[in-house]
Amino acid sequence: MKQALIGAGGHAREVMMQMGQDFICFVDDQYASDRYVDDNILPLSKFDPTKYEVMIAIGDSRDRLSMALKMPHDTRYFTFVHPTALIGDHVRVGNGSFIGAYSILTANVTIGKHALLNRANHIGHDTKAGLGLSMMPGAIVSGNCEIGDSVYIGTNATIKQDTRICDSTTIGLNAGVVKDITESGTYVGLPAEKVN
């Protein structure tokens, strides 16, 4: 069975670079003809789950999870862990996830399906994250945190130990989360505050 990517944007190109290979990329049909002119980019309508196992290589958490819902029920997903990543004891990573270069998952960490840990991300001990976690370069989650589904953590953002973050939350660039987030929205600054 061949491996392929769903998506052909910037994140998909970074996935291919970190994996050191090119893939067939499937995109929504309206983008396959209008936006891309490339033999390796095919419309999603041509995807055959008996021929390919895939990773959804879309940077935005919500878009990645929405795409997962569009895929045929028998789609198989592969996970990639970069050889420079440090993975500790009792770490579980869900199918379809990408763990990028120089990331560290220490001990007793659980991450749901379709996660994206970009480059140099750290997740501390006893942390649990739901579906579709996105961590941009340099983002850090300290130990014993609980992260909901569809959470996006921006570049160089930091989450304090023993913190809970609810579903559908965006943490902005360089933000510092120092208390629980119980209301979905976008949070920026230090300490991080809700802006919408």
N, C-alpha and C. Protein backbone atom coordinates (compact mmCIF):
# COMPACT_ATOMS: atom_id res chain seq x y z
N MET A 1 0.85 -1.18 0.00
CA MET A 1 0.00 0.00 0.00
C MET A 1 0.89 1.24 0.00
N LYS A 2 0.59 2.20 -0.87
CA LYS A 2 1.37 3.43 -0.97
C LYS A 2 0.93 4.43 0.09
N GLN A 3 1.85 5.31 0.45
CA GLN A 3 1.52 6.41 1.34
C GLN A 3 1.25 7.66 0.51
N ALA A 4 0.30 8.48 0.98
CA ALA A 4 -0.05 9.73 0.31
C ALA A 4 -0.44 10.75 1.37
N LEU A 5 -0.52 12.00 0.95
CA LEU A 5 -0.95 13.07 1.84
C LEU A 5 -2.29 13.62 1.38
N ILE A 6 -3.06 14.08 2.33
CA ILE A 6 -4.27 14.84 2.04
C ILE A 6 -3.91 16.29 2.31
N GLY A 7 -3.89 17.10 1.26
CA GLY A 7 -3.45 18.49 1.37
C GLY A 7 -2.18 18.67 0.57
N ALA A 8 -1.97 19.90 0.08
CA ALA A 8 -0.78 20.17 -0.75
C ALA A 8 -0.23 21.56 -0.47
N GLY A 9 -0.59 22.15 0.67
CA GLY A 9 -0.13 23.50 1.00
C GLY A 9 1.22 23.48 1.71
N GLY A 10 1.47 24.55 2.45
CA GLY A 10 2.75 24.70 3.13
C GLY A 10 3.07 23.58 4.10
N HIS A 11 2.09 23.17 4.90
CA HIS A 11 2.37 22.10 5.86
C HIS A 11 2.69 20.79 5.14
N ALA A 12 1.96 20.48 4.07
CA ALA A 12 2.25 19.25 3.31
C ALA A 12 3.68 19.27 2.76
N ARG A 13 4.11 20.42 2.28
CA ARG A 13 5.48 20.52 1.77
C ARG A 13 6.50 20.34 2.90
N GLU A 14 6.19 20.85 4.10
CA GLU A 14 7.09 20.64 5.24
C GLU A 14 7.12 19.18 5.66
N VAL A 15 5.98 18.50 5.61
CA VAL A 15 5.94 17.07 5.92
C VAL A 15 6.86 16.31 4.96
N MET A 16 6.73 16.61 3.67
CA MET A 16 7.56 15.91 2.69
C MET A 16 9.05 16.20 2.93
N MET A 17 9.37 17.46 3.25
CA MET A 17 10.77 17.80 3.50
C MET A 17 11.31 17.03 4.71
N GLN A 18 10.55 16.99 5.80
CA GLN A 18 11.03 16.30 6.99
C GLN A 18 11.08 14.79 6.81
N MET A 19 10.21 14.26 5.97
CA MET A 19 10.23 12.82 5.70
C MET A 19 11.24 12.46 4.61
N GLY A 20 11.71 13.46 3.87
CA GLY A 20 12.72 13.22 2.84
C GLY A 20 12.19 12.52 1.61
N GLN A 21 10.91 12.74 1.29
CA GLN A 21 10.35 12.12 0.08
C GLN A 21 9.14 12.90 -0.41
N ASP A 22 8.83 12.70 -1.68
CA ASP A 22 7.64 13.30 -2.28
C ASP A 22 6.50 12.30 -2.22
N PHE A 23 5.29 12.81 -2.11
CA PHE A 23 4.10 11.97 -2.07
C PHE A 23 3.09 12.46 -3.10
N ILE A 24 2.19 11.56 -3.49
CA ILE A 24 0.97 11.99 -4.15
C ILE A 24 0.17 12.77 -3.11
N CYS A 25 -0.38 13.91 -3.50
CA CYS A 25 -1.19 14.72 -2.60
C CYS A 25 -2.61 14.82 -3.16
N PHE A 26 -3.59 14.53 -2.33
CA PHE A 26 -4.99 14.67 -2.71
C PHE A 26 -5.55 15.94 -2.09
N VAL A 27 -6.30 16.69 -2.89
CA VAL A 27 -6.91 17.93 -2.43
C VAL A 27 -8.38 17.96 -2.86
N ASP A 28 -9.18 18.79 -2.19
CA ASP A 28 -10.57 18.95 -2.62
C ASP A 28 -10.63 19.22 -4.11
N ASP A 29 -11.61 18.63 -4.77
CA ASP A 29 -11.68 18.67 -6.23
C ASP A 29 -11.60 20.08 -6.81
N GLN A 30 -12.23 21.05 -6.16
CA GLN A 30 -12.23 22.40 -6.72
C GLN A 30 -10.84 23.01 -6.75
N TYR A 31 -9.92 22.53 -5.88
CA TYR A 31 -8.56 23.08 -5.87
C TYR A 31 -7.63 22.31 -6.80
N ALA A 32 -7.95 21.07 -7.10
CA ALA A 32 -7.04 20.24 -7.89
C ALA A 32 -6.81 20.83 -9.28
N SER A 33 -7.84 21.39 -9.89
CA SER A 33 -7.67 21.91 -11.24
C SER A 33 -7.38 23.40 -11.25
N ASP A 34 -7.96 24.16 -10.32
CA ASP A 34 -7.83 25.61 -10.35
C ASP A 34 -6.51 26.11 -9.80
N ARG A 35 -6.04 25.49 -8.73
CA ARG A 35 -4.93 26.07 -7.99
C ARG A 35 -3.59 25.43 -8.29
N TYR A 36 -3.60 24.15 -8.60
CA TYR A 36 -2.35 23.43 -8.75
C TYR A 36 -2.21 22.87 -10.16
N VAL A 37 -0.99 22.92 -10.67
CA VAL A 37 -0.69 22.27 -11.94
C VAL A 37 0.50 21.35 -11.65
N ASP A 38 0.20 20.12 -11.30
CA ASP A 38 1.24 19.20 -10.86
C ASP A 38 0.69 17.78 -10.99
N ASP A 39 1.47 16.89 -11.56
CA ASP A 39 1.03 15.50 -11.73
C ASP A 39 0.88 14.76 -10.41
N ASN A 40 1.52 15.28 -9.34
CA ASN A 40 1.44 14.61 -8.04
C ASN A 40 0.29 15.10 -7.19
N ILE A 41 -0.51 16.05 -7.69
CA ILE A 41 -1.65 16.58 -6.94
C ILE A 41 -2.93 16.15 -7.65
N LEU A 42 -3.72 15.35 -6.94
CA LEU A 42 -4.91 14.75 -7.52
C LEU A 42 -6.15 15.18 -6.76
N PRO A 43 -7.31 15.16 -7.43
CA PRO A 43 -8.56 15.49 -6.73
C PRO A 43 -8.93 14.39 -5.73
N LEU A 44 -9.53 14.80 -4.64
CA LEU A 44 -9.92 13.87 -3.59
C LEU A 44 -10.89 12.79 -4.11
N SER A 45 -11.66 13.12 -5.13
CA SER A 45 -12.59 12.14 -5.71
C SER A 45 -11.87 10.93 -6.31
N LYS A 46 -10.57 11.05 -6.57
CA LYS A 46 -9.80 9.92 -7.12
C LYS A 46 -9.11 9.11 -6.03
N PHE A 47 -9.28 9.49 -4.77
CA PHE A 47 -8.65 8.76 -3.67
C PHE A 47 -9.28 7.38 -3.52
N ASP A 48 -8.44 6.36 -3.43
CA ASP A 48 -8.90 4.98 -3.27
C ASP A 48 -8.29 4.43 -1.97
N PRO A 49 -9.10 4.20 -0.94
CA PRO A 49 -8.56 3.74 0.35
C PRO A 49 -7.97 2.34 0.30
N THR A 50 -8.19 1.59 -0.78
CA THR A 50 -7.56 0.27 -0.90
C THR A 50 -6.15 0.37 -1.46
N LYS A 51 -5.78 1.55 -2.00
CA LYS A 51 -4.46 1.72 -2.60
C LYS A 51 -3.52 2.59 -1.77
N TYR A 52 -4.08 3.45 -0.92
CA TYR A 52 -3.26 4.41 -0.18
C TYR A 52 -3.59 4.41 1.30
N GLU A 53 -2.55 4.58 2.11
CA GLU A 53 -2.73 5.01 3.50
C GLU A 53 -2.23 6.44 3.55
N VAL A 54 -2.88 7.27 4.35
CA VAL A 54 -2.64 8.70 4.25
C VAL A 54 -2.38 9.36 5.59
N MET A 55 -1.85 10.58 5.48
CA MET A 55 -1.78 11.52 6.59
C MET A 55 -2.46 12.79 6.10
N ILE A 56 -3.29 13.39 6.94
CA ILE A 56 -3.92 14.66 6.58
C ILE A 56 -2.93 15.76 6.94
N ALA A 57 -2.31 16.33 5.91
CA ALA A 57 -1.24 17.31 6.10
C ALA A 57 -1.78 18.72 5.90
N ILE A 58 -2.67 19.11 6.81
CA ILE A 58 -3.28 20.44 6.81
C ILE A 58 -2.97 21.06 8.17
N GLY A 59 -2.43 22.28 8.17
CA GLY A 59 -1.94 22.88 9.41
C GLY A 59 -3.00 23.26 10.43
N ASP A 60 -4.18 23.66 9.99
CA ASP A 60 -5.22 24.12 10.90
C ASP A 60 -5.96 22.94 11.52
N SER A 61 -6.08 22.95 12.85
CA SER A 61 -6.72 21.82 13.57
C SER A 61 -8.13 21.54 13.07
N ARG A 62 -8.95 22.56 12.99
CA ARG A 62 -10.36 22.36 12.60
C ARG A 62 -10.48 21.85 11.18
N ASP A 63 -9.68 22.42 10.27
CA ASP A 63 -9.72 21.96 8.89
C ASP A 63 -9.24 20.52 8.77
N ARG A 64 -8.22 20.16 9.56
CA ARG A 64 -7.71 18.79 9.52
C ARG A 64 -8.78 17.80 9.99
N LEU A 65 -9.47 18.13 11.09
CA LEU A 65 -10.51 17.23 11.59
C LEU A 65 -11.72 17.20 10.67
N SER A 66 -12.06 18.33 10.05
CA SER A 66 -13.16 18.34 9.08
C SER A 66 -12.85 17.44 7.89
N MET A 67 -11.59 17.48 7.44
CA MET A 67 -11.19 16.61 6.33
C MET A 67 -11.29 15.15 6.74
N ALA A 68 -10.91 14.82 7.98
CA ALA A 68 -11.00 13.43 8.44
C ALA A 68 -12.43 12.92 8.35
N LEU A 69 -13.40 13.79 8.62
CA LEU A 69 -14.81 13.39 8.53
C LEU A 69 -15.26 13.15 7.09
N LYS A 70 -14.59 13.79 6.12
CA LYS A 70 -14.92 13.61 4.70
C LYS A 70 -14.37 12.31 4.12
N MET A 71 -13.36 11.76 4.77
CA MET A 71 -12.67 10.60 4.21
C MET A 71 -13.53 9.34 4.31
N PRO A 72 -13.35 8.40 3.36
CA PRO A 72 -14.10 7.14 3.46
C PRO A 72 -13.85 6.45 4.80
N HIS A 73 -14.86 5.75 5.30
CA HIS A 73 -14.76 5.15 6.64
C HIS A 73 -13.63 4.13 6.76
N ASP A 74 -13.21 3.54 5.63
CA ASP A 74 -12.15 2.52 5.68
C ASP A 74 -10.76 3.09 5.37
N THR A 75 -10.62 4.40 5.44
CA THR A 75 -9.31 5.03 5.20
C THR A 75 -8.33 4.62 6.29
N ARG A 76 -7.12 4.29 5.87
CA ARG A 76 -6.04 3.96 6.81
C ARG A 76 -5.10 5.16 6.90
N TYR A 77 -4.65 5.43 8.12
CA TYR A 77 -3.78 6.57 8.37
C TYR A 77 -2.43 6.10 8.88
N PHE A 78 -1.38 6.76 8.43
CA PHE A 78 -0.04 6.47 8.96
C PHE A 78 0.40 7.63 9.84
N THR A 79 1.30 7.33 10.77
CA THR A 79 1.89 8.31 11.67
C THR A 79 3.38 8.37 11.38
N PHE A 80 3.93 9.58 11.45
CA PHE A 80 5.36 9.76 11.25
C PHE A 80 5.96 10.42 12.49
N VAL A 81 7.06 9.83 12.97
CA VAL A 81 7.83 10.41 14.07
C VAL A 81 9.25 10.64 13.54
N HIS A 82 9.67 11.90 13.52
CA HIS A 82 10.99 12.23 12.99
C HIS A 82 12.08 11.54 13.81
N PRO A 83 13.15 11.07 13.16
CA PRO A 83 14.20 10.35 13.90
C PRO A 83 14.89 11.18 14.99
N THR A 84 14.81 12.51 14.91
CA THR A 84 15.43 13.33 15.96
C THR A 84 14.51 13.57 17.15
N ALA A 85 13.25 13.15 17.06
CA ALA A 85 12.31 13.33 18.17
C ALA A 85 12.69 12.40 19.32
N LEU A 86 12.49 12.89 20.54
CA LEU A 86 12.73 12.06 21.73
C LEU A 86 11.38 11.66 22.30
N ILE A 87 11.13 10.36 22.34
CA ILE A 87 9.85 9.84 22.80
C ILE A 87 10.11 8.99 24.04
N GLY A 88 9.53 9.40 25.17
CA GLY A 88 9.76 8.72 26.43
C GLY A 88 8.89 7.48 26.63
N ASP A 89 8.89 7.00 27.85
CA ASP A 89 8.14 5.80 28.21
C ASP A 89 6.64 6.08 28.27
N HIS A 90 5.85 5.10 27.87
CA HIS A 90 4.39 5.14 27.97
C HIS A 90 3.79 6.34 27.23
N VAL A 91 4.31 6.60 26.06
CA VAL A 91 3.78 7.66 25.19
C VAL A 91 2.91 7.01 24.13
N ARG A 92 1.70 7.55 23.94
CA ARG A 92 0.77 7.03 22.94
C ARG A 92 0.40 8.18 22.01
N VAL A 93 0.57 7.93 20.71
CA VAL A 93 0.27 8.93 19.68
C VAL A 93 -0.77 8.34 18.75
N GLY A 94 -1.88 9.05 18.54
CA GLY A 94 -2.96 8.56 17.70
C GLY A 94 -2.59 8.47 16.22
N ASN A 95 -3.31 7.64 15.51
CA ASN A 95 -3.09 7.44 14.07
C ASN A 95 -3.20 8.75 13.30
N GLY A 96 -2.44 8.84 12.22
CA GLY A 96 -2.51 9.99 11.35
C GLY A 96 -1.78 11.20 11.87
N SER A 97 -0.88 11.01 12.83
CA SER A 97 -0.20 12.14 13.47
C SER A 97 1.20 12.35 12.89
N PHE A 98 1.69 13.57 13.06
CA PHE A 98 3.02 13.96 12.60
C PHE A 98 3.79 14.55 13.78
N ILE A 99 4.92 13.93 14.12
CA ILE A 99 5.78 14.42 15.20
C ILE A 99 7.07 14.87 14.55
N GLY A 100 7.27 16.19 14.49
CA GLY A 100 8.36 16.78 13.72
C GLY A 100 9.71 16.75 14.42
N ALA A 101 10.68 17.26 13.69
CA ALA A 101 12.08 17.26 14.12
C ALA A 101 12.26 17.94 15.48
N TYR A 102 13.06 17.31 16.32
CA TYR A 102 13.50 17.83 17.62
C TYR A 102 12.36 18.02 18.61
N SER A 103 11.26 17.34 18.39
CA SER A 103 10.18 17.37 19.37
C SER A 103 10.50 16.41 20.50
N ILE A 104 9.93 16.71 21.69
CA ILE A 104 10.16 15.86 22.86
C ILE A 104 8.83 15.58 23.53
N LEU A 105 8.52 14.29 23.70
CA LEU A 105 7.36 13.84 24.47
C LEU A 105 7.94 13.02 25.62
N THR A 106 7.83 13.52 26.84
CA THR A 106 8.62 12.95 27.93
C THR A 106 8.11 11.60 28.43
N ALA A 107 7.11 11.57 29.28
CA ALA A 107 6.67 10.31 29.88
C ALA A 107 5.17 10.34 30.13
N ASN A 108 4.52 9.22 29.83
CA ASN A 108 3.09 9.06 30.08
C ASN A 108 2.28 10.16 29.40
N VAL A 109 2.57 10.38 28.12
CA VAL A 109 1.88 11.38 27.32
C VAL A 109 0.94 10.66 26.36
N THR A 110 -0.28 11.18 26.23
CA THR A 110 -1.25 10.63 25.28
C THR A 110 -1.72 11.74 24.36
N ILE A 111 -1.63 11.50 23.06
CA ILE A 111 -2.07 12.46 22.05
C ILE A 111 -3.06 11.76 21.14
N GLY A 112 -4.19 12.42 20.86
CA GLY A 112 -5.22 11.84 20.01
C GLY A 112 -4.83 11.80 18.54
N LYS A 113 -5.72 11.27 17.73
CA LYS A 113 -5.50 11.13 16.29
C LYS A 113 -5.32 12.49 15.62
N HIS A 114 -4.63 12.46 14.49
CA HIS A 114 -4.46 13.61 13.60
C HIS A 114 -3.78 14.80 14.27
N ALA A 115 -2.79 14.51 15.10
CA ALA A 115 -2.03 15.59 15.75
C ALA A 115 -0.93 16.08 14.83
N LEU A 116 -0.54 17.32 15.04
CA LEU A 116 0.58 17.93 14.31
C LEU A 116 1.49 18.60 15.33
N LEU A 117 2.65 18.02 15.54
CA LEU A 117 3.70 18.67 16.32
C LEU A 117 4.75 19.08 15.31
N ASN A 118 4.88 20.36 15.10
CA ASN A 118 5.62 20.88 13.97
C ASN A 118 7.13 20.65 14.11
N ARG A 119 7.86 21.56 14.73
CA ARG A 119 9.30 21.39 14.95
C ARG A 119 9.61 21.89 16.36
N ALA A 120 10.45 21.13 17.06
CA ALA A 120 10.94 21.51 18.38
C ALA A 120 9.80 21.80 19.36
N ASN A 121 8.79 20.95 19.35
CA ASN A 121 7.71 21.04 20.33
C ASN A 121 8.03 20.14 21.51
N HIS A 122 7.61 20.57 22.71
CA HIS A 122 7.83 19.77 23.91
C HIS A 122 6.49 19.55 24.60
N ILE A 123 6.26 18.31 25.04
CA ILE A 123 5.08 17.99 25.84
C ILE A 123 5.57 17.25 27.08
N GLY A 124 5.21 17.78 28.25
CA GLY A 124 5.68 17.24 29.51
C GLY A 124 4.88 16.04 30.00
N HIS A 125 5.37 15.46 31.05
CA HIS A 125 4.84 14.23 31.65
C HIS A 125 3.34 14.31 31.96
N ASP A 126 2.68 13.18 31.82
CA ASP A 126 1.29 12.99 32.25
C ASP A 126 0.31 13.95 31.57
N THR A 127 0.63 14.38 30.38
CA THR A 127 -0.26 15.27 29.63
C THR A 127 -1.12 14.44 28.68
N LYS A 128 -2.37 14.86 28.56
CA LYS A 128 -3.31 14.22 27.63
C LYS A 128 -3.84 15.29 26.69
N ALA A 129 -3.82 14.99 25.39
CA ALA A 129 -4.35 15.91 24.38
C ALA A 129 -5.34 15.15 23.52
N GLY A 130 -6.40 15.83 23.12
CA GLY A 130 -7.44 15.21 22.31
C GLY A 130 -7.11 15.17 20.83
N LEU A 131 -8.16 15.07 20.02
CA LEU A 131 -8.01 14.96 18.57
C LEU A 131 -7.54 16.27 17.97
N GLY A 132 -6.70 16.17 16.93
CA GLY A 132 -6.37 17.32 16.11
C GLY A 132 -5.52 18.38 16.78
N LEU A 133 -4.71 18.01 17.76
CA LEU A 133 -3.81 18.99 18.38
C LEU A 133 -2.86 19.54 17.32
N SER A 134 -2.68 20.87 17.29
CA SER A 134 -1.68 21.51 16.42
C SER A 134 -0.73 22.31 17.30
N MET A 135 0.56 22.03 17.17
CA MET A 135 1.57 22.81 17.88
C MET A 135 2.55 23.34 16.84
N MET A 136 2.70 24.66 16.81
CA MET A 136 3.60 25.29 15.86
C MET A 136 5.01 25.35 16.44
N PRO A 137 6.02 25.70 15.61
CA PRO A 137 7.41 25.59 16.05
C PRO A 137 7.69 26.24 17.40
N GLY A 138 8.36 25.48 18.26
CA GLY A 138 8.79 25.98 19.55
C GLY A 138 7.74 26.00 20.64
N ALA A 139 6.52 25.57 20.37
CA ALA A 139 5.47 25.57 21.39
C ALA A 139 5.77 24.50 22.45
N ILE A 140 5.43 24.83 23.70
CA ILE A 140 5.72 23.93 24.82
C ILE A 140 4.49 23.75 25.69
N VAL A 141 4.17 22.50 26.00
CA VAL A 141 3.12 22.17 26.96
C VAL A 141 3.82 21.50 28.14
N SER A 142 3.68 22.09 29.32
CA SER A 142 4.33 21.54 30.51
C SER A 142 3.58 20.30 31.01
N GLY A 143 4.06 19.72 32.08
CA GLY A 143 3.52 18.46 32.56
C GLY A 143 2.13 18.55 33.15
N ASN A 144 1.45 17.40 33.14
CA ASN A 144 0.15 17.21 33.76
C ASN A 144 -0.91 18.19 33.25
N CYS A 145 -0.89 18.43 31.95
CA CYS A 145 -1.89 19.29 31.32
C CYS A 145 -2.95 18.44 30.64
N GLU A 146 -4.12 19.04 30.43
CA GLU A 146 -5.20 18.39 29.71
C GLU A 146 -5.64 19.33 28.59
N ILE A 147 -5.47 18.86 27.36
CA ILE A 147 -5.75 19.67 26.17
C ILE A 147 -6.92 19.03 25.43
N GLY A 148 -7.93 19.81 25.12
CA GLY A 148 -9.12 19.29 24.44
C GLY A 148 -8.89 19.00 22.96
N ASP A 149 -9.99 18.74 22.26
CA ASP A 149 -9.95 18.50 20.81
C ASP A 149 -9.82 19.83 20.07
N SER A 150 -9.18 19.76 18.92
CA SER A 150 -9.09 20.88 17.99
C SER A 150 -8.48 22.12 18.65
N VAL A 151 -7.35 21.91 19.32
CA VAL A 151 -6.62 23.02 19.96
C VAL A 151 -5.38 23.33 19.12
N TYR A 152 -5.18 24.62 18.87
CA TYR A 152 -4.06 25.12 18.08
C TYR A 152 -3.19 25.97 19.01
N ILE A 153 -1.90 25.60 19.11
CA ILE A 153 -0.96 26.31 19.98
C ILE A 153 0.09 26.95 19.09
N GLY A 154 0.12 28.28 19.06
CA GLY A 154 0.97 29.02 18.15
C GLY A 154 2.46 28.94 18.46
N THR A 155 3.25 29.43 17.53
CA THR A 155 4.70 29.43 17.63
C THR A 155 5.17 30.05 18.95
N ASN A 156 6.04 29.31 19.64
CA ASN A 156 6.66 29.73 20.90
C ASN A 156 5.69 29.99 22.04
N ALA A 157 4.45 29.56 21.91
CA ALA A 157 3.51 29.67 23.03
C ALA A 157 3.86 28.63 24.09
N THR A 158 3.50 28.92 25.34
CA THR A 158 3.83 28.04 26.46
C THR A 158 2.60 27.83 27.33
N ILE A 159 2.39 26.58 27.74
CA ILE A 159 1.28 26.23 28.62
C ILE A 159 1.88 25.80 29.96
N LYS A 160 1.45 26.46 31.03
CA LYS A 160 1.95 26.17 32.38
C LYS A 160 1.51 24.78 32.85
N GLN A 161 2.32 24.18 33.71
CA GLN A 161 1.99 22.87 34.27
C GLN A 161 0.63 22.89 34.96
N ASP A 162 -0.07 21.73 34.93
CA ASP A 162 -1.36 21.53 35.59
C ASP A 162 -2.46 22.43 35.02
N THR A 163 -2.43 22.68 33.73
CA THR A 163 -3.41 23.57 33.10
C THR A 163 -4.35 22.76 32.21
N ARG A 164 -5.61 23.18 32.17
CA ARG A 164 -6.63 22.56 31.31
C ARG A 164 -7.02 23.56 30.23
N ILE A 165 -7.13 23.07 28.98
CA ILE A 165 -7.56 23.90 27.86
C ILE A 165 -8.72 23.18 27.17
N CYS A 166 -9.85 23.88 27.03
CA CYS A 166 -11.05 23.26 26.45
C CYS A 166 -10.92 23.12 24.92
N ASP A 167 -11.88 22.40 24.35
CA ASP A 167 -11.94 22.18 22.90
C ASP A 167 -12.00 23.50 22.13
N SER A 168 -11.58 23.43 20.86
CA SER A 168 -11.73 24.53 19.89
C SER A 168 -11.14 25.83 20.40
N THR A 169 -9.90 25.76 20.85
CA THR A 169 -9.20 26.92 21.38
C THR A 169 -7.94 27.19 20.56
N THR A 170 -7.67 28.46 20.32
CA THR A 170 -6.45 28.88 19.64
C THR A 170 -5.61 29.70 20.62
N ILE A 171 -4.36 29.30 20.77
CA ILE A 171 -3.41 30.02 21.61
C ILE A 171 -2.45 30.73 20.65
N GLY A 172 -2.36 32.05 20.73
CA GLY A 172 -1.58 32.82 19.78
C GLY A 172 -0.07 32.75 19.97
N LEU A 173 0.62 33.27 19.00
CA LEU A 173 2.08 33.38 18.96
C LEU A 173 2.62 33.97 20.26
N ASN A 174 3.60 33.29 20.86
CA ASN A 174 4.30 33.76 22.07
C ASN A 174 3.41 33.91 23.30
N ALA A 175 2.20 33.39 23.28
CA ALA A 175 1.30 33.52 24.43
C ALA A 175 1.79 32.63 25.57
N GLY A 176 1.41 33.02 26.79
CA GLY A 176 1.71 32.22 27.97
C GLY A 176 0.42 31.90 28.70
N VAL A 177 0.01 30.63 28.68
CA VAL A 177 -1.22 30.23 29.36
C VAL A 177 -0.86 29.84 30.78
N VAL A 178 -1.38 30.60 31.76
CA VAL A 178 -1.02 30.39 33.16
C VAL A 178 -2.20 29.95 34.02
N LYS A 179 -3.40 29.85 33.41
CA LYS A 179 -4.57 29.36 34.13
C LYS A 179 -5.45 28.59 33.16
N ASP A 180 -6.38 27.80 33.70
CA ASP A 180 -7.25 27.00 32.86
C ASP A 180 -8.03 27.87 31.88
N ILE A 181 -8.25 27.32 30.68
CA ILE A 181 -9.11 27.96 29.68
C ILE A 181 -10.36 27.10 29.56
N THR A 182 -11.50 27.65 29.93
CA THR A 182 -12.75 26.90 29.96
C THR A 182 -13.75 27.37 28.91
N GLU A 183 -13.40 28.39 28.14
CA GLU A 183 -14.28 28.92 27.10
C GLU A 183 -13.51 28.96 25.78
N SER A 184 -14.07 28.32 24.74
CA SER A 184 -13.42 28.29 23.43
C SER A 184 -13.21 29.70 22.91
N GLY A 185 -12.17 29.88 22.12
CA GLY A 185 -11.87 31.18 21.52
C GLY A 185 -10.39 31.31 21.23
N THR A 186 -9.96 32.54 21.01
CA THR A 186 -8.56 32.84 20.72
C THR A 186 -7.97 33.61 21.90
N TYR A 187 -6.80 33.17 22.35
CA TYR A 187 -6.14 33.74 23.52
C TYR A 187 -4.74 34.20 23.13
N VAL A 188 -4.37 35.42 23.53
CA VAL A 188 -3.07 35.97 23.21
C VAL A 188 -2.47 36.65 24.44
N GLY A 189 -1.15 36.88 24.39
CA GLY A 189 -0.48 37.66 25.43
C GLY A 189 0.07 36.82 26.57
N LEU A 190 0.66 37.51 27.54
CA LEU A 190 1.19 36.90 28.74
C LEU A 190 0.83 37.76 29.94
N PRO A 191 -0.07 37.27 30.79
CA PRO A 191 -0.78 35.99 30.67
C PRO A 191 -1.80 36.03 29.53
N ALA A 192 -2.07 34.87 28.95
CA ALA A 192 -2.97 34.79 27.81
C ALA A 192 -4.38 35.21 28.21
N GLU A 193 -4.97 36.08 27.41
CA GLU A 193 -6.34 36.56 27.62
C GLU A 193 -7.14 36.35 26.34
N LYS A 194 -8.44 36.15 26.50
CA LYS A 194 -9.33 35.91 25.35
C LYS A 194 -9.55 37.20 24.57
N VAL A 195 -9.40 37.11 23.24
CA VAL A 195 -9.62 38.27 22.39
C VAL A 195 -10.83 38.08 21.48
N ASN A 196 -11.28 36.86 21.27
CA ASN A 196 -12.55 36.61 20.56
C ASN A 196 -13.01 35.19 20.73
